Amino acid sequence: MITRIKELRARSDMMQEDLAKLVDVRRETIVFLEKGKYNPSLKLAYDISRILHSRIEEVFLFEELMVE
């Protein structure tokens, strides 16, 4: 999975810790998400997308959906 969390977070001038607090997870969870090493629950994906003012599919890019 590829994420655009870091890019979208930067647009909002938001630190990893800020996003973590807003979605009630540890900063390390955001680090793992940004590196594509953690698959979020649907609720976490929704919460992150809402905070970043983006649709889930704009934040989380699943490789199998990118193959044509």
Foldseek 3Di string as FASTA:
>chain_A
DAFCLVVLCVVVVHDLCRLCVQLVHHSVVVVCVNVVNDDDDPSSLVSSCVVSVHDSCNGDPDPVVVDD
